[in-house]
């Protein structure tokens, strides 16, 4: 089976609020899966259902091909966005406590934790009180106790929140290493740049519904189809003028390392690529052409905006 997790037609309501509306998602094994959406879209409710914290009103969740049960939670590591540690305990004592809850012996937990603490440069804080930790150091501790028992499925909810760029990069590397070691990661975030860097597939939830799912690279190509980046030397205004009959938008870009100009060009629906190449060659000295990919930020904004517009139109028609 290629999917570690299958969410089938899941719905969940709280009083008059529908948190999830017939959501279906297949999470492939051994990759990083991005769970995206605006605040209040339903992501946290879905994560709580996956962690067996709450149950769906309808639909089902399959883990490794069987109905998700309480016993499966030992194979899931969850780092929630709202995190908390017992402030009066020492850092090492608390980390060992959490590790033992995950089934490790005290000896094994202490040995493995010290390795992780050294890797994250927090070993000197082992005997300090939790209340003495900075927010970033506390988050490192919580990340470590989440992954320590090597669960099959890891769920990180806004894991980079509060981290400086250096420690955020450290965390990204660790997440990718966990993926390479066979773990499957569900990664909930608002940081679209991180999605491009580490996610293989994504689902975008808006207003309780799954409005977009797919492979990140394929979605980036699909959303910016017929867009190309030209690298050249010459007159930009002349190039834009020459391409105007076959293109409908132009975006100047930062020059490359050799000082050559760059222009992003979107062809209209009927223009062949060869016509753009021929026209550019006749107008400037063309050094290169590459297909442009949409950013995940572009895809997020365009998809959510379009979905909201459609929802408004449907409401007006009723």
C-alpha atoms as a PDB file:
ATOM      1  CA  UNK A   1       0.000   0.000   0.000  1.00  0.00           C
ATOM      2  CA  UNK A   2       1.384   3.392  -1.031  1.00  0.00           C
ATOM      3  CA  UNK A   3      -0.700   5.439   1.435  1.00  0.00           C
ATOM      4  CA  UNK A   4       0.048   5.476   5.144  1.00  0.00           C
ATOM      5  CA  UNK A   5      -3.053   7.572   5.847  1.00  0.00           C
ATOM      6  CA  UNK A   6      -6.401   7.722   4.055  1.00  0.00           C
ATOM      7  CA  UNK A   7      -9.035  10.242   5.087  1.00  0.00           C
ATOM      8  CA  UNK A   8     -12.360   9.360   3.504  1.00  0.00           C
ATOM      9  CA  UNK A   9     -15.313  11.775   3.409  1.00  0.00           C
ATOM     10  CA  UNK A  10     -14.692  13.099   6.907  1.00  0.00           C
ATOM     11  CA  UNK A  11     -17.089  15.685   8.347  1.00  0.00           C
ATOM     12  CA  UNK A  12     -17.102  17.276  11.796  1.00  0.00           C
ATOM     13  CA  UNK A  13     -19.335  19.921  13.372  1.00  0.00           C
ATOM     14  CA  UNK A  14     -19.260  21.802  16.662  1.00  0.00           C
ATOM     15  CA  UNK A  15     -22.677  23.218  17.591  1.00  0.00           C
ATOM     16  CA  UNK A  16     -23.634  25.298  14.528  1.00  0.00           C
ATOM     17  CA  UNK A  17     -20.104  25.416  13.088  1.00  0.00           C
ATOM     18  CA  UNK A  18     -19.084  22.873  10.437  1.00  0.00           C
ATOM     19  CA  UNK A  19     -15.334  22.417  10.929  1.00  0.00           C
ATOM     20  CA  UNK A  20     -14.847  19.799   8.184  1.00  0.00           C
ATOM     21  CA  UNK A  21     -17.137  19.152   5.242  1.00  0.00           C
ATOM     22  CA  UNK A  22     -16.700  15.822   3.424  1.00  0.00           C
ATOM     23  CA  UNK A  23     -12.875  16.003   3.362  1.00  0.00           C
ATOM     24  CA  UNK A  24     -10.903  13.243   1.631  1.00  0.00           C
ATOM     25  CA  UNK A  25      -7.091  13.071   1.534  1.00  0.00           C
ATOM     26  CA  UNK A  26      -4.587  10.330   0.700  1.00  0.00           C
ATOM     27  CA  UNK A  27      -1.157  10.768   2.313  1.00  0.00           C
ATOM     28  CA  UNK A  28       1.590   8.790   0.515  1.00  0.00           C
ATOM     29  CA  UNK A  29       4.073   6.862   2.604  1.00  0.00           C
ATOM     30  CA  UNK A  30       7.592   8.223   3.049  1.00  0.00           C
ATOM     31  CA  UNK A  31       7.156  11.867   1.992  1.00  0.00           C
ATOM     32  CA  UNK A  32       6.416  15.302   3.392  1.00  0.00           C
ATOM     33  CA  UNK A  33       2.753  16.276   2.997  1.00  0.00           C
ATOM     34  CA  UNK A  34       1.766  19.921   3.382  1.00  0.00           C
ATOM     35  CA  UNK A  35      -1.566  20.710   5.029  1.00  0.00           C
ATOM     36  CA  UNK A  36      -2.368  24.305   4.108  1.00  0.00           C
ATOM     37  CA  UNK A  37      -5.222  26.720   4.642  1.00  0.00           C
ATOM     38  CA  UNK A  38      -6.248  30.038   6.181  1.00  0.00           C
ATOM     39  CA  UNK A  39      -6.858  30.332   9.908  1.00  0.00           C
ATOM     40  CA  UNK A  40     -10.108  28.611  10.858  1.00  0.00           C
ATOM     41  CA  UNK A  41     -10.195  26.503   7.686  1.00  0.00           C
ATOM     42  CA  UNK A  42     -10.361  23.187   9.557  1.00  0.00           C
ATOM     43  CA  UNK A  43      -6.721  22.043   9.613  1.00  0.00           C
ATOM     44  CA  UNK A  44      -6.457  21.744  13.392  1.00  0.00           C
ATOM     45  CA  UNK A  45      -9.708  19.764  13.609  1.00  0.00           C
ATOM     46  CA  UNK A  46      -8.394  17.344  10.985  1.00  0.00           C
ATOM     47  CA  UNK A  47      -5.104  16.951  12.857  1.00  0.00           C
ATOM     48  CA  UNK A  48      -6.974  16.251  16.099  1.00  0.00           C
ATOM     49  CA  UNK A  49      -8.996  13.538  14.332  1.00  0.00           C
ATOM     50  CA  UNK A  50      -5.815  11.942  12.939  1.00  0.00           C
ATOM     51  CA  UNK A  51      -4.364  11.925  16.474  1.00  0.00           C
ATOM     52  CA  UNK A  52      -7.517  10.248  17.821  1.00  0.00           C
ATOM     53  CA  UNK A  53      -8.124  13.241  20.100  1.00  0.00           C
ATOM     54  CA  UNK A  54     -11.604  13.676  18.662  1.00  0.00           C
ATOM     55  CA  UNK A  55     -13.749  11.584  16.333  1.00  0.00           C
ATOM     56  CA  UNK A  56     -15.404  12.547  13.038  1.00  0.00           C
ATOM     57  CA  UNK A  57     -19.182  12.789  12.815  1.00  0.00           C
ATOM     58  CA  UNK A  58     -19.038  10.848   9.553  1.00  0.00           C
ATOM     59  CA  UNK A  59     -16.437   9.328   7.265  1.00  0.00           C
ATOM     60  CA  UNK A  60     -13.416   7.335   8.360  1.00  0.00           C
ATOM     61  CA  UNK A  61      -9.640   7.490   8.776  1.00  0.00           C
ATOM     62  CA  UNK A  62      -7.455   4.542   7.751  1.00  0.00           C
ATOM     63  CA  UNK A  63      -3.913   4.103   9.078  1.00  0.00           C
ATOM     64  CA  UNK A  64      -1.791   1.520   7.254  1.00  0.00           C
ATOM     65  CA  UNK A  65      -4.957   0.220   5.617  1.00  0.00           C
ATOM     66  CA  UNK A  66      -7.041  -0.336   8.773  1.00  0.00           C
ATOM     67  CA  UNK A  67      -9.449   1.809  10.738  1.00  0.00           C
ATOM     68  CA  UNK A  68      -7.481   4.242  12.906  1.00  0.00           C
ATOM     69  CA  UNK A  69      -7.573   3.186  16.565  1.00  0.00           C
ATOM     70  CA  UNK A  70      -6.175   4.338  19.904  1.00  0.00           C
ATOM     71  CA  UNK A  71      -3.361   1.787  19.555  1.00  0.00           C
ATOM     72  CA  UNK A  72      -2.093   3.535  16.401  1.00  0.00           C
ATOM     73  CA  UNK A  73      -1.321   6.732  18.326  1.00  0.00           C
ATOM     74  CA  UNK A  74       1.977   5.203  19.507  1.00  0.00           C
ATOM     75  CA  UNK A  75       3.073   5.250  15.850  1.00  0.00           C
ATOM     76  CA  UNK A  76       2.224   8.951  15.478  1.00  0.00           C
ATOM     77  CA  UNK A  77       4.353  11.843  16.718  1.00  0.00           C
ATOM     78  CA  UNK A  78       2.507  15.145  17.104  1.00  0.00           C
ATOM     79  CA  UNK A  79       3.997  18.589  17.674  1.00  0.00           C
ATOM     80  CA  UNK A  80       1.043  20.976  18.165  1.00  0.00           C
ATOM     81  CA  UNK A  81       1.208  24.690  17.434  1.00  0.00           C
ATOM     82  CA  UNK A  82       0.229  25.517  21.024  1.00  0.00           C
ATOM     83  CA  UNK A  83       3.013  23.882  22.961  1.00  0.00           C
ATOM     84  CA  UNK A  84       3.623  23.560  26.684  1.00  0.00           C
ATOM     85  CA  UNK A  85       6.193  22.165  29.097  1.00  0.00           C
ATOM     86  CA  UNK A  86       6.124  21.851  32.885  1.00  0.00           C
ATOM     87  CA  UNK A  87       8.118  24.923  33.884  1.00  0.00           C
ATOM     88  CA  UNK A  88       9.360  23.700  37.287  1.00  0.00           C
ATOM     89  CA  UNK A  89      10.880  20.432  36.032  1.00  0.00           C
ATOM     90  CA  UNK A  90      14.417  20.252  34.737  1.00  0.00           C
ATOM     91  CA  UNK A  91      14.777  19.998  30.988  1.00  0.00           C
ATOM     92  CA  UNK A  92      16.350  16.527  31.042  1.00  0.00           C
ATOM     93  CA  UNK A  93      13.867  15.179  33.585  1.00  0.00           C
ATOM     94  CA  UNK A  94      10.935  16.358  31.497  1.00  0.00           C
ATOM     95  CA  UNK A  95      12.362  15.016  28.236  1.00  0.00           C
ATOM     96  CA  UNK A  96      12.929  11.590  29.812  1.00  0.00           C
ATOM     97  CA  UNK A  97       9.385  11.657  31.219  1.00  0.00           C
ATOM     98  CA  UNK A  98       7.882  12.238  27.757  1.00  0.00           C
ATOM     99  CA  UNK A  99      10.170   9.628  26.179  1.00  0.00           C
ATOM    100  CA  UNK A 100       9.064   7.010  28.713  1.00  0.00           C
ATOM    101  CA  UNK A 101       5.436   7.788  27.873  1.00  0.00           C
ATOM    102  CA  UNK A 102       6.342   6.783  24.303  1.00  0.00           C
ATOM    103  CA  UNK A 103       7.632   3.390  25.494  1.00  0.00           C
ATOM    104  CA  UNK A 104      11.380   3.959  25.887  1.00  0.00           C
ATOM    105  CA  UNK A 105      13.229   2.746  28.984  1.00  0.00           C
ATOM    106  CA  UNK A 106      14.931   5.382  31.137  1.00  0.00           C
ATOM    107  CA  UNK A 107      18.361   4.170  30.007  1.00  0.00           C
ATOM    108  CA  UNK A 108      17.489   4.238  26.288  1.00  0.00           C
ATOM    109  CA  UNK A 109      15.658   7.544  26.616  1.00  0.00           C
ATOM    110  CA  UNK A 110      18.578   9.246  28.365  1.00  0.00           C
ATOM    111  CA  UNK A 111      21.095   7.941  25.836  1.00  0.00           C
ATOM    112  CA  UNK A 112      19.075   8.983  22.779  1.00  0.00           C
ATOM    113  CA  UNK A 113      18.025  12.318  24.252  1.00  0.00           C
ATOM    114  CA  UNK A 114      21.614  13.304  24.986  1.00  0.00           C
ATOM    115  CA  UNK A 115      22.499  12.615  21.339  1.00  0.00           C
ATOM    116  CA  UNK A 116      19.661  14.843  20.160  1.00  0.00           C
ATOM    117  CA  UNK A 117      20.419  17.553  22.722  1.00  0.00           C
ATOM    118  CA  UNK A 118      24.020  17.656  21.549  1.00  0.00           C
ATOM    119  CA  UNK A 119      22.927  17.871  17.915  1.00  0.00           C
ATOM    120  CA  UNK A 120      20.602  20.793  18.750  1.00  0.00           C
ATOM    121  CA  UNK A 121      23.256  22.460  20.938  1.00  0.00           C
ATOM    122  CA  UNK A 122      21.145  22.396  24.120  1.00  0.00           C
ATOM    123  CA  UNK A 123      22.962  19.708  26.147  1.00  0.00           C
ATOM    124  CA  UNK A 124      24.293  22.313  28.654  1.00  0.00           C
ATOM    125  CA  UNK A 125      20.653  22.995  29.593  1.00  0.00           C
ATOM    126  CA  UNK A 126      19.943  19.396  30.645  1.00  0.00           C
ATOM    127  CA  UNK A 127      19.839  20.222  34.367  1.00  0.00           C
ATOM    128  CA  UNK A 128      18.279  23.692  34.015  1.00  0.00           C
ATOM    129  CA  UNK A 129      14.653  24.407  34.830  1.00  0.00           C
ATOM    130  CA  UNK A 130      12.310  24.586  31.851  1.00  0.00           C
ATOM    131  CA  UNK A 131      11.320  28.100  32.872  1.00  0.00           C
ATOM    132  CA  UNK A 132      14.897  29.212  32.145  1.00  0.00           C
ATOM    133  CA  UNK A 133      14.677  28.196  28.479  1.00  0.00           C
ATOM    134  CA  UNK A 134      14.091  30.683  25.682  1.00  0.00           C
ATOM    135  CA  UNK A 135      11.092  30.022  23.446  1.00  0.00           C
ATOM    136  CA  UNK A 136      13.340  28.668  20.706  1.00  0.00           C
ATOM    137  CA  UNK A 137      15.150  26.265  23.044  1.00  0.00           C
ATOM    138  CA  UNK A 138      11.857  25.031  24.478  1.00  0.00           C
ATOM    139  CA  UNK A 139      10.636  24.345  20.950  1.00  0.00           C
ATOM    140  CA  UNK A 140      13.783  22.344  20.244  1.00  0.00           C
ATOM    141  CA  UNK A 141      13.076  20.188  23.295  1.00  0.00           C
ATOM    142  CA  UNK A 142       9.516  19.573  22.172  1.00  0.00           C
ATOM    143  CA  UNK A 143      10.613  18.716  18.636  1.00  0.00           C
ATOM    144  CA  UNK A 144      13.087  16.188  20.031  1.00  0.00           C
ATOM    145  CA  UNK A 145      10.562  14.420  22.281  1.00  0.00           C
ATOM    146  CA  UNK A 146       8.125  14.290  19.334  1.00  0.00           C
ATOM    147  CA  UNK A 147      10.539  12.418  17.040  1.00  0.00           C
ATOM    148  CA  UNK A 148      12.576  10.459  19.595  1.00  0.00           C
ATOM    149  CA  UNK A 149      10.619   7.193  19.353  1.00  0.00           C
ATOM    150  CA  UNK A 150      10.851   7.208  15.523  1.00  0.00           C
ATOM    151  CA  UNK A 151       7.108   7.051  14.787  1.00  0.00           C
ATOM    152  CA  UNK A 152       5.916   6.101  11.303  1.00  0.00           C
ATOM    153  CA  UNK A 153       3.877   9.296  11.008  1.00  0.00           C
ATOM    154  CA  UNK A 154       4.964  12.730  12.240  1.00  0.00           C
ATOM    155  CA  UNK A 155       2.630  15.726  12.378  1.00  0.00           C
ATOM    156  CA  UNK A 156       4.144  19.185  12.796  1.00  0.00           C
ATOM    157  CA  UNK A 157       1.788  22.144  13.256  1.00  0.00           C
ATOM    158  CA  UNK A 158       3.641  25.403  12.451  1.00  0.00           C
ATOM    159  CA  UNK A 159       7.001  23.938  13.554  1.00  0.00           C
ATOM    160  CA  UNK A 160       9.035  27.019  12.559  1.00  0.00           C
ATOM    161  CA  UNK A 161       7.006  29.475  14.618  1.00  0.00           C
ATOM    162  CA  UNK A 162       9.355  31.465  16.857  1.00  0.00           C
ATOM    163  CA  UNK A 163      12.568  30.126  15.299  1.00  0.00           C
ATOM    164  CA  UNK A 164      15.265  32.400  13.906  1.00  0.00           C
ATOM    165  CA  UNK A 165      16.400  31.627  10.312  1.00  0.00           C
ATOM    166  CA  UNK A 166      19.397  29.548  11.424  1.00  0.00           C
ATOM    167  CA  UNK A 167      17.387  27.267  13.699  1.00  0.00           C
ATOM    168  CA  UNK A 168      14.523  27.103  11.178  1.00  0.00           C
ATOM    169  CA  UNK A 169      17.045  25.811   8.625  1.00  0.00           C
ATOM    170  CA  UNK A 170      18.293  23.259  11.169  1.00  0.00           C
ATOM    171  CA  UNK A 171      14.746  22.045  11.699  1.00  0.00           C
ATOM    172  CA  UNK A 172      14.114  21.770   7.939  1.00  0.00           C
ATOM    173  CA  UNK A 173      17.209  19.590   7.554  1.00  0.00           C
ATOM    174  CA  UNK A 174      16.080  17.349  10.394  1.00  0.00           C
ATOM    175  CA  UNK A 175      12.601  16.966   8.891  1.00  0.00           C
ATOM    176  CA  UNK A 176      14.104  15.974   5.539  1.00  0.00           C
ATOM    177  CA  UNK A 177      16.470  13.540   7.292  1.00  0.00           C
ATOM    178  CA  UNK A 178      13.498  11.928   9.036  1.00  0.00           C
ATOM    179  CA  UNK A 179      11.797  11.577   5.656  1.00  0.00           C
ATOM    180  CA  UNK A 180      14.952   9.957   4.210  1.00  0.00           C
ATOM    181  CA  UNK A 181      14.942   7.507   7.130  1.00  0.00           C
ATOM    182  CA  UNK A 182      11.414   6.382   6.214  1.00  0.00           C
ATOM    183  CA  UNK A 183       9.113   8.575   8.305  1.00  0.00           C
ATOM    184  CA  UNK A 184       6.064  10.211   6.760  1.00  0.00           C
ATOM    185  CA  UNK A 185       5.578  13.855   7.718  1.00  0.00           C
ATOM    186  CA  UNK A 186       2.412  15.949   7.694  1.00  0.00           C
ATOM    187  CA  UNK A 187       3.438  19.569   7.816  1.00  0.00           C
ATOM    188  CA  UNK A 188       0.851  22.255   8.627  1.00  0.00           C
ATOM    189  CA  UNK A 189       2.073  25.796   7.997  1.00  0.00           C
ATOM    190  CA  UNK A 190       1.400  29.270   6.638  1.00  0.00           C
ATOM    191  CA  UNK A 191       5.008  29.556   5.426  1.00  0.00           C
ATOM    192  CA  UNK A 192       4.700  28.951   1.689  1.00  0.00           C
ATOM    193  CA  UNK A 193       8.452  29.181   1.072  1.00  0.00           C
ATOM    194  CA  UNK A 194       8.948  26.221   3.416  1.00  0.00           C
ATOM    195  CA  UNK A 195       6.298  24.271   1.511  1.00  0.00           C
ATOM    196  CA  UNK A 196       8.273  24.699  -1.722  1.00  0.00           C
ATOM    197  CA  UNK A 197      11.474  23.600  -0.010  1.00  0.00           C
ATOM    198  CA  UNK A 198      10.348  20.452   1.798  1.00  0.00           C
ATOM    199  CA  UNK A 199       6.862  19.295   0.735  1.00  0.00           C
ATOM    200  CA  UNK A 200       6.259  16.642  -1.919  1.00  0.00           C
ATOM    201  CA  UNK A 201       2.459  16.938  -1.948  1.00  0.00           C
ATOM    202  CA  UNK A 202      -0.103  19.297  -0.450  1.00  0.00           C
ATOM    203  CA  UNK A 203      -3.767  19.675   0.379  1.00  0.00           C
ATOM    204  CA  UNK A 204      -5.312  23.122   0.675  1.00  0.00           C
ATOM    205  CA  UNK A 205      -8.343  23.374   2.959  1.00  0.00           C
ATOM    206  CA  UNK A 206     -10.620  26.413   2.842  1.00  0.00           C
ATOM    207  CA  UNK A 207     -13.904  26.887   4.688  1.00  0.00           C
ATOM    208  CA  UNK A 208     -13.852  23.278   5.914  1.00  0.00           C
ATOM    209  CA  UNK A 209     -13.392  21.733   2.441  1.00  0.00           C
ATOM    210  CA  UNK A 210     -10.510  20.291   0.480  1.00  0.00           C
ATOM    211  CA  UNK A 211     -10.244  22.676  -2.477  1.00  0.00           C
ATOM    212  CA  UNK A 212      -6.897  21.565  -3.911  1.00  0.00           C
ATOM    213  CA  UNK A 213      -4.615  18.523  -3.635  1.00  0.00           C
ATOM    214  CA  UNK A 214      -1.607  17.450  -5.643  1.00  0.00           C
ATOM    215  CA  UNK A 215       2.122  17.177  -6.159  1.00  0.00           C
ATOM    216  CA  UNK A 216       3.896  20.470  -5.428  1.00  0.00           C
ATOM    217  CA  UNK A 217       5.978  20.595  -8.617  1.00  0.00           C
ATOM    218  CA  UNK A 218       3.037  19.603 -10.810  1.00  0.00           C
ATOM    219  CA  UNK A 219       0.802  22.252  -9.233  1.00  0.00           C
ATOM    220  CA  UNK A 220       3.463  24.927  -9.680  1.00  0.00           C
ATOM    221  CA  UNK A 221       3.717  24.066 -13.385  1.00  0.00           C
ATOM    222  CA  UNK A 222      -0.050  23.901 -13.838  1.00  0.00           C
ATOM    223  CA  UNK A 223      -0.740  27.287 -12.281  1.00  0.00           C
ATOM    224  CA  UNK A 224       1.897  29.085 -14.326  1.00  0.00           C
ATOM    225  CA  UNK A 225       1.486  27.206 -17.588  1.00  0.00           C
ATOM    226  CA  UNK A 226       2.759  29.136 -20.615  1.00  0.00           C
ATOM    227  CA  UNK A 227       5.000  31.357 -18.449  1.00  0.00           C
ATOM    228  CA  UNK A 228       8.710  31.559 -19.271  1.00  0.00           C
ATOM    229  CA  UNK A 229      11.763  33.411 -17.967  1.00  0.00           C
ATOM    230  CA  UNK A 230      13.970  34.933 -20.667  1.00  0.00           C
ATOM    231  CA  UNK A 231      17.623  35.812 -20.040  1.00  0.00           C
ATOM    232  CA  UNK A 232      19.061  38.253 -22.573  1.00  0.00           C
ATOM    233  CA  UNK A 233      21.114  41.326 -23.414  1.00  0.00           C
ATOM    234  CA  UNK A 234      19.446  44.212 -25.193  1.00  0.00           C
ATOM    235  CA  UNK A 235      16.504  46.600 -25.020  1.00  0.00           C
ATOM    236  CA  UNK A 236      13.731  45.460 -22.676  1.00  0.00           C
ATOM    237  CA  UNK A 237      11.153  47.886 -24.047  1.00  0.00           C
ATOM    238  CA  UNK A 238      11.818  46.695 -27.589  1.00  0.00           C
ATOM    239  CA  UNK A 239      11.475  43.063 -26.464  1.00  0.00           C
ATOM    240  CA  UNK A 240       8.155  43.707 -24.715  1.00  0.00           C
ATOM    241  CA  UNK A 241       6.860  45.598 -27.745  1.00  0.00           C
ATOM    242  CA  UNK A 242       7.827  42.766 -30.089  1.00  0.00           C
ATOM    243  CA  UNK A 243       6.247  40.082 -27.877  1.00  0.00           C
ATOM    244  CA  UNK A 244       3.015  41.982 -27.094  1.00  0.00           C
ATOM    245  CA  UNK A 245       1.020  40.344 -29.967  1.00  0.00           C
ATOM    246  CA  UNK A 246       1.640  36.860 -28.521  1.00  0.00           C
ATOM    247  CA  UNK A 247       1.991  37.519 -24.767  1.00  0.00           C
ATOM    248  CA  UNK A 248      -0.358  39.075 -22.224  1.00  0.00           C
ATOM    249  CA  UNK A 249       1.918  39.891 -19.267  1.00  0.00           C
ATOM    250  CA  UNK A 250       5.548  40.806 -18.626  1.00  0.00           C
ATOM    251  CA  UNK A 251       7.418  40.943 -15.307  1.00  0.00           C
ATOM    252  CA  UNK A 252      11.008  42.295 -15.203  1.00  0.00           C
ATOM    253  CA  UNK A 253      13.231  40.255 -12.893  1.00  0.00           C
ATOM    254  CA  UNK A 254      16.539  40.793 -11.144  1.00  0.00           C
ATOM    255  CA  UNK A 255      19.557  40.525 -13.455  1.00  0.00           C
ATOM    256  CA  UNK A 256      21.614  37.333 -13.272  1.00  0.00           C
ATOM    257  CA  UNK A 257      25.145  37.040 -11.858  1.00  0.00           C
ATOM    258  CA  UNK A 258      26.621  38.085 -15.218  1.00  0.00           C
ATOM    259  CA  UNK A 259      24.535  41.242 -15.405  1.00  0.00           C
ATOM    260  CA  UNK A 260      22.203  39.914 -18.102  1.00  0.00           C
ATOM    261  CA  UNK A 261      18.590  41.062 -18.037  1.00  0.00           C
ATOM    262  CA  UNK A 262      15.676  38.762 -17.189  1.00  0.00           C
ATOM    263  CA  UNK A 263      12.018  39.013 -18.108  1.00  0.00           C
ATOM    264  CA  UNK A 264       9.112  36.753 -17.136  1.00  0.00           C
ATOM    265  CA  UNK A 265       6.689  36.384 -20.063  1.00  0.00           C
ATOM    266  CA  UNK A 266       3.227  34.815 -20.100  1.00  0.00           C
ATOM    267  CA  UNK A 267       2.142  33.653 -23.546  1.00  0.00           C
ATOM    268  CA  UNK A 268      -1.487  33.944 -24.529  1.00  0.00           C
ATOM    269  CA  UNK A 269      -3.366  30.691 -24.947  1.00  0.00           C
ATOM    270  CA  UNK A 270      -2.770  30.258 -28.679  1.00  0.00           C
ATOM    271  CA  UNK A 271       0.853  31.365 -29.164  1.00  0.00           C
ATOM    272  CA  UNK A 272       3.410  28.594 -29.791  1.00  0.00           C
ATOM    273  CA  UNK A 273       6.634  28.696 -27.797  1.00  0.00           C
ATOM    274  CA  UNK A 274       8.706  28.687 -30.986  1.00  0.00           C
ATOM    275  CA  UNK A 275       7.168  32.023 -32.020  1.00  0.00           C
ATOM    276  CA  UNK A 276       8.308  33.618 -28.771  1.00  0.00           C
ATOM    277  CA  UNK A 277      11.825  32.227 -29.186  1.00  0.00           C
ATOM    278  CA  UNK A 278      12.046  33.426 -32.783  1.00  0.00           C
ATOM    279  CA  UNK A 279      10.728  36.906 -31.934  1.00  0.00           C
ATOM    280  CA  UNK A 280      13.071  37.258 -28.944  1.00  0.00           C
ATOM    281  CA  UNK A 281      16.058  36.147 -31.026  1.00  0.00           C
ATOM    282  CA  UNK A 282      15.229  38.770 -33.661  1.00  0.00           C
ATOM    283  CA  UNK A 283      14.960  41.537 -31.037  1.00  0.00           C
ATOM    284  CA  UNK A 284      17.637  40.896 -28.384  1.00  0.00           C
ATOM    285  CA  UNK A 285      20.586  38.596 -27.777  1.00  0.00           C
ATOM    286  CA  UNK A 286      18.832  35.665 -26.125  1.00  0.00           C
ATOM    287  CA  UNK A 287      21.007  33.757 -23.639  1.00  0.00           C
ATOM    288  CA  UNK A 288      18.479  31.361 -22.197  1.00  0.00           C
ATOM    289  CA  UNK A 289      14.840  30.445 -21.634  1.00  0.00           C
ATOM    290  CA  UNK A 290      13.323  28.417 -18.801  1.00  0.00           C
ATOM    291  CA  UNK A 291       9.782  27.444 -17.910  1.00  0.00           C
ATOM    292  CA  UNK A 292       8.600  29.458 -14.903  1.00  0.00           C
ATOM    293  CA  UNK A 293       6.868  27.815 -11.972  1.00  0.00           C
ATOM    294  CA  UNK A 294       4.227  29.469  -9.806  1.00  0.00           C
ATOM    295  CA  UNK A 295       5.155  30.051  -6.183  1.00  0.00           C
ATOM    296  CA  UNK A 296       3.108  28.245  -3.563  1.00  0.00           C
ATOM    297  CA  UNK A 297       2.159  31.674  -2.237  1.00  0.00           C
ATOM    298  CA  UNK A 298       0.625  32.524  -5.646  1.00  0.00           C
ATOM    299  CA  UNK A 299      -1.238  29.224  -5.736  1.00  0.00           C
ATOM    300  CA  UNK A 300      -2.516  29.656  -2.170  1.00  0.00           C
ATOM    301  CA  UNK A 301      -3.832  33.187  -2.798  1.00  0.00           C
ATOM    302  CA  UNK A 302      -5.354  32.459  -6.204  1.00  0.00           C
ATOM    303  CA  UNK A 303      -7.070  29.247  -5.104  1.00  0.00           C
ATOM    304  CA  UNK A 304      -8.473  30.590  -1.832  1.00  0.00           C
ATOM    305  CA  UNK A 305      -9.627  33.822  -3.499  1.00  0.00           C
ATOM    306  CA  UNK A 306     -11.299  31.923  -6.324  1.00  0.00           C
ATOM    307  CA  UNK A 307     -13.000  29.539  -3.890  1.00  0.00           C
ATOM    308  CA  UNK A 308     -14.264  32.436  -1.765  1.00  0.00           C
ATOM    309  CA  UNK A 309     -15.627  34.209  -4.861  1.00  0.00           C
ATOM    310  CA  UNK A 310     -17.426  31.032  -5.973  1.00  0.00           C
ATOM    311  CA  UNK A 311     -18.908  30.564  -2.498  1.00  0.00           C
ATOM    312  CA  UNK A 312     -20.183  34.148  -2.508  1.00  0.00           C
ATOM    313  CA  UNK A 313     -21.721  33.727  -5.976  1.00  0.00           C
ATOM    314  CA  UNK A 314     -23.500  30.541  -4.897  1.00  0.00           C
ATOM    315  CA  UNK A 315     -24.862  32.245  -1.780  1.00  0.00           C
ATOM    316  CA  UNK A 316     -26.200  35.157  -3.868  1.00  0.00           C
ATOM    317  CA  UNK A 317     -27.981  32.759  -6.239  1.00  0.00           C
ATOM    318  CA  UNK A 318     -29.910  31.057  -3.396  1.00  0.00           C
END
